[in-house]
């Protein structure tokens, strides 16, 4: 059972995909797109392409759990996405996912010029891995 992770951004949206067993998340791609309708369609097509069971959208709740403006945007996006795909759309707390992804890329020796391109997909992989881990007994 594959799952797709989404790290929604204003300009760039990172995507990650799980292995077929739904155990490990891998960075997939970064989509540069500000048109939300186009982005919804692209993600829906990718969900079909990989035959995913879940699409996991990261929601940046504040440190105290409040739903701020960006979290509300992510929730709205997840709701709209659920209308465009047969996959089950889940929301997952993503606060600090980008910070962790940036640290991992730095530790892996990824240079600054390549880091921006890989950061959003790596953050999506972190979001998706958290979700996948929660499914394990």
C-alpha atoms as a PDB file:
ATOM      1  CA  UNK A   1       0.000   0.000   0.000  1.00  0.00           C
ATOM      2  CA  UNK A   2       1.722   3.137  -1.207  1.00  0.00           C
ATOM      3  CA  UNK A   3       1.199   6.584   0.290  1.00  0.00           C
ATOM      4  CA  UNK A   4       2.011  10.039  -1.056  1.00  0.00           C
ATOM      5  CA  UNK A   5       3.294  12.843   1.181  1.00  0.00           C
ATOM      6  CA  UNK A   6       2.703  16.528   0.436  1.00  0.00           C
ATOM      7  CA  UNK A   7       4.618  19.483   1.904  1.00  0.00           C
ATOM      8  CA  UNK A   8       2.511  22.382   0.671  1.00  0.00           C
ATOM      9  CA  UNK A   9       4.307  25.658   0.080  1.00  0.00           C
ATOM     10  CA  UNK A  10       3.508  29.038  -1.391  1.00  0.00           C
ATOM     11  CA  UNK A  11       5.766  28.600  -4.412  1.00  0.00           C
ATOM     12  CA  UNK A  12       7.091  25.042  -4.146  1.00  0.00           C
ATOM     13  CA  UNK A  13       5.353  21.869  -3.002  1.00  0.00           C
ATOM     14  CA  UNK A  14       7.394  18.858  -2.038  1.00  0.00           C
ATOM     15  CA  UNK A  15       6.215  15.330  -2.715  1.00  0.00           C
ATOM     16  CA  UNK A  16       7.329  12.014  -1.268  1.00  0.00           C
ATOM     17  CA  UNK A  17       6.261   8.449  -1.999  1.00  0.00           C
ATOM     18  CA  UNK A  18       6.387   5.331   0.107  1.00  0.00           C
ATOM     19  CA  UNK A  19       7.697   1.967  -0.929  1.00  0.00           C
ATOM     20  CA  UNK A  20       5.005  -0.534  -2.019  1.00  0.00           C
ATOM     21  CA  UNK A  21       4.766  -1.973   1.512  1.00  0.00           C
ATOM     22  CA  UNK A  22       4.073   1.440   3.052  1.00  0.00           C
ATOM     23  CA  UNK A  23       7.111   1.253   5.319  1.00  0.00           C
ATOM     24  CA  UNK A  24       9.674   3.772   4.054  1.00  0.00           C
ATOM     25  CA  UNK A  25       9.184   7.253   2.589  1.00  0.00           C
ATOM     26  CA  UNK A  26      11.370   8.605  -0.222  1.00  0.00           C
ATOM     27  CA  UNK A  27      11.558  12.139  -1.637  1.00  0.00           C
ATOM     28  CA  UNK A  28       9.810  12.137  -5.013  1.00  0.00           C
ATOM     29  CA  UNK A  29       9.665  15.599  -6.571  1.00  0.00           C
ATOM     30  CA  UNK A  30       9.195  19.306  -6.010  1.00  0.00           C
ATOM     31  CA  UNK A  31       6.469  21.036  -7.979  1.00  0.00           C
ATOM     32  CA  UNK A  32       6.932  24.745  -8.632  1.00  0.00           C
ATOM     33  CA  UNK A  33       3.396  26.067  -9.022  1.00  0.00           C
ATOM     34  CA  UNK A  34       1.403  28.863  -7.403  1.00  0.00           C
ATOM     35  CA  UNK A  35      -1.910  28.032  -9.098  1.00  0.00           C
ATOM     36  CA  UNK A  36      -3.682  25.836  -6.545  1.00  0.00           C
ATOM     37  CA  UNK A  37      -6.089  24.328  -9.097  1.00  0.00           C
ATOM     38  CA  UNK A  38      -3.207  23.190 -11.298  1.00  0.00           C
ATOM     39  CA  UNK A  39      -1.371  21.859  -8.242  1.00  0.00           C
ATOM     40  CA  UNK A  40      -4.445  19.893  -7.110  1.00  0.00           C
ATOM     41  CA  UNK A  41      -4.709  18.277 -10.541  1.00  0.00           C
ATOM     42  CA  UNK A  42      -1.003  17.391 -10.654  1.00  0.00           C
ATOM     43  CA  UNK A  43      -1.121  15.752  -7.243  1.00  0.00           C
ATOM     44  CA  UNK A  44      -4.335  13.878  -8.100  1.00  0.00           C
ATOM     45  CA  UNK A  45      -2.656  12.516 -11.258  1.00  0.00           C
ATOM     46  CA  UNK A  46       0.406  11.423  -9.289  1.00  0.00           C
ATOM     47  CA  UNK A  47      -1.842   9.662  -6.760  1.00  0.00           C
ATOM     48  CA  UNK A  48      -3.415   7.726  -9.623  1.00  0.00           C
ATOM     49  CA  UNK A  49      -0.050   7.021 -11.263  1.00  0.00           C
ATOM     50  CA  UNK A  50       1.344   5.454  -8.084  1.00  0.00           C
ATOM     51  CA  UNK A  51      -1.982   3.915  -7.019  1.00  0.00           C
ATOM     52  CA  UNK A  52      -1.712   5.361  -3.526  1.00  0.00           C
ATOM     53  CA  UNK A  53      -4.054   4.484  -0.703  1.00  0.00           C
ATOM     54  CA  UNK A  54      -3.312   7.634   1.317  1.00  0.00           C
ATOM     55  CA  UNK A  55      -2.299  11.178   0.452  1.00  0.00           C
ATOM     56  CA  UNK A  56      -0.787  12.783   3.541  1.00  0.00           C
ATOM     57  CA  UNK A  57      -0.839  16.586   3.598  1.00  0.00           C
ATOM     58  CA  UNK A  58       1.422  18.274   6.124  1.00  0.00           C
ATOM     59  CA  UNK A  59      -0.331  20.882   8.267  1.00  0.00           C
ATOM     60  CA  UNK A  60       1.940  23.411  10.016  1.00  0.00           C
ATOM     61  CA  UNK A  61       0.221  23.707  13.376  1.00  0.00           C
ATOM     62  CA  UNK A  62       1.809  26.204  15.745  1.00  0.00           C
ATOM     63  CA  UNK A  63       3.983  24.901  18.573  1.00  0.00           C
ATOM     64  CA  UNK A  64       1.031  25.142  20.962  1.00  0.00           C
ATOM     65  CA  UNK A  65      -1.257  23.266  18.548  1.00  0.00           C
ATOM     66  CA  UNK A  66      -3.211  26.277  17.293  1.00  0.00           C
ATOM     67  CA  UNK A  67      -4.399  26.468  13.705  1.00  0.00           C
ATOM     68  CA  UNK A  68      -2.791  29.533  12.160  1.00  0.00           C
ATOM     69  CA  UNK A  69      -3.189  30.968   8.675  1.00  0.00           C
ATOM     70  CA  UNK A  70      -0.803  28.524   6.964  1.00  0.00           C
ATOM     71  CA  UNK A  71      -2.348  25.549   8.761  1.00  0.00           C
ATOM     72  CA  UNK A  72      -5.806  26.673   7.625  1.00  0.00           C
ATOM     73  CA  UNK A  73      -4.561  26.922   4.028  1.00  0.00           C
ATOM     74  CA  UNK A  74      -3.157  23.392   4.225  1.00  0.00           C
ATOM     75  CA  UNK A  75      -6.423  22.067   5.704  1.00  0.00           C
ATOM     76  CA  UNK A  76      -8.440  23.747   2.938  1.00  0.00           C
ATOM     77  CA  UNK A  77      -6.081  22.302   0.325  1.00  0.00           C
ATOM     78  CA  UNK A  78      -6.450  18.806   1.820  1.00  0.00           C
ATOM     79  CA  UNK A  79     -10.248  19.112   1.713  1.00  0.00           C
ATOM     80  CA  UNK A  80     -10.185  20.154  -1.948  1.00  0.00           C
ATOM     81  CA  UNK A  81      -7.735  17.381  -2.777  1.00  0.00           C
ATOM     82  CA  UNK A  82     -10.029  14.793  -1.206  1.00  0.00           C
ATOM     83  CA  UNK A  83     -12.658  15.731  -3.798  1.00  0.00           C
ATOM     84  CA  UNK A  84     -10.224  15.028  -6.662  1.00  0.00           C
ATOM     85  CA  UNK A  85      -8.771  11.679  -5.703  1.00  0.00           C
ATOM     86  CA  UNK A  86     -10.022   8.287  -4.637  1.00  0.00           C
ATOM     87  CA  UNK A  87      -7.127   8.034  -2.185  1.00  0.00           C
ATOM     88  CA  UNK A  88      -7.899   8.805   1.428  1.00  0.00           C
ATOM     89  CA  UNK A  89      -6.512  12.254   2.266  1.00  0.00           C
ATOM     90  CA  UNK A  90      -4.995  12.562   5.738  1.00  0.00           C
ATOM     91  CA  UNK A  91      -3.610  15.607   7.505  1.00  0.00           C
ATOM     92  CA  UNK A  92      -0.409  15.283   9.507  1.00  0.00           C
ATOM     93  CA  UNK A  93       1.268  17.745  11.877  1.00  0.00           C
ATOM     94  CA  UNK A  94       4.352  18.937  10.058  1.00  0.00           C
ATOM     95  CA  UNK A  95       5.803  21.597  12.314  1.00  0.00           C
ATOM     96  CA  UNK A  96       9.596  21.574  12.128  1.00  0.00           C
ATOM     97  CA  UNK A  97       9.629  19.133   9.183  1.00  0.00           C
ATOM     98  CA  UNK A  98      11.518  21.593   6.984  1.00  0.00           C
ATOM     99  CA  UNK A  99      14.030  22.340   9.745  1.00  0.00           C
ATOM    100  CA  UNK A 100      14.714  18.621  10.236  1.00  0.00           C
ATOM    101  CA  UNK A 101      14.958  18.058   6.465  1.00  0.00           C
ATOM    102  CA  UNK A 102      17.445  20.916   6.135  1.00  0.00           C
ATOM    103  CA  UNK A 103      19.619  19.461   8.900  1.00  0.00           C
ATOM    104  CA  UNK A 104      19.570  16.038   7.256  1.00  0.00           C
ATOM    105  CA  UNK A 105      20.541  17.469   3.865  1.00  0.00           C
ATOM    106  CA  UNK A 106      23.381  19.442   5.450  1.00  0.00           C
ATOM    107  CA  UNK A 107      24.621  16.334   7.270  1.00  0.00           C
ATOM    108  CA  UNK A 108      24.441  14.417   3.980  1.00  0.00           C
ATOM    109  CA  UNK A 109      26.711  17.005   2.372  1.00  0.00           C
ATOM    110  CA  UNK A 110      24.159  18.480  -0.023  1.00  0.00           C
ATOM    111  CA  UNK A 111      25.482  21.821  -1.255  1.00  0.00           C
ATOM    112  CA  UNK A 112      23.473  25.029  -0.890  1.00  0.00           C
ATOM    113  CA  UNK A 113      22.783  25.363  -4.623  1.00  0.00           C
ATOM    114  CA  UNK A 114      21.075  21.943  -4.699  1.00  0.00           C
ATOM    115  CA  UNK A 115      19.543  22.134  -1.229  1.00  0.00           C
ATOM    116  CA  UNK A 116      16.558  24.339  -2.132  1.00  0.00           C
ATOM    117  CA  UNK A 117      15.521  21.979  -4.917  1.00  0.00           C
ATOM    118  CA  UNK A 118      15.644  18.968  -2.603  1.00  0.00           C
ATOM    119  CA  UNK A 119      14.435  20.545   0.646  1.00  0.00           C
ATOM    120  CA  UNK A 120      10.687  20.459   0.002  1.00  0.00           C
ATOM    121  CA  UNK A 121      10.687  16.836  -1.179  1.00  0.00           C
ATOM    122  CA  UNK A 122      12.831  15.868   1.828  1.00  0.00           C
ATOM    123  CA  UNK A 123      10.365  17.642   4.141  1.00  0.00           C
ATOM    124  CA  UNK A 124       7.509  15.753   2.466  1.00  0.00           C
ATOM    125  CA  UNK A 125       9.394  12.503   3.112  1.00  0.00           C
ATOM    126  CA  UNK A 126       9.679  13.433   6.796  1.00  0.00           C
ATOM    127  CA  UNK A 127       5.948  14.137   6.988  1.00  0.00           C
ATOM    128  CA  UNK A 128       5.112  10.900   5.212  1.00  0.00           C
ATOM    129  CA  UNK A 129       7.517   8.841   7.338  1.00  0.00           C
ATOM    130  CA  UNK A 130       5.864  10.126  10.510  1.00  0.00           C
ATOM    131  CA  UNK A 131       2.494   9.033   9.173  1.00  0.00           C
ATOM    132  CA  UNK A 132       3.800   5.630   8.060  1.00  0.00           C
ATOM    133  CA  UNK A 133       5.405   5.041  11.449  1.00  0.00           C
ATOM    134  CA  UNK A 134       2.061   5.755  13.133  1.00  0.00           C
ATOM    135  CA  UNK A 135       0.480   2.884  11.166  1.00  0.00           C
ATOM    136  CA  UNK A 136       3.005   0.314  12.410  1.00  0.00           C
ATOM    137  CA  UNK A 137       1.882  -1.921  15.279  1.00  0.00           C
END
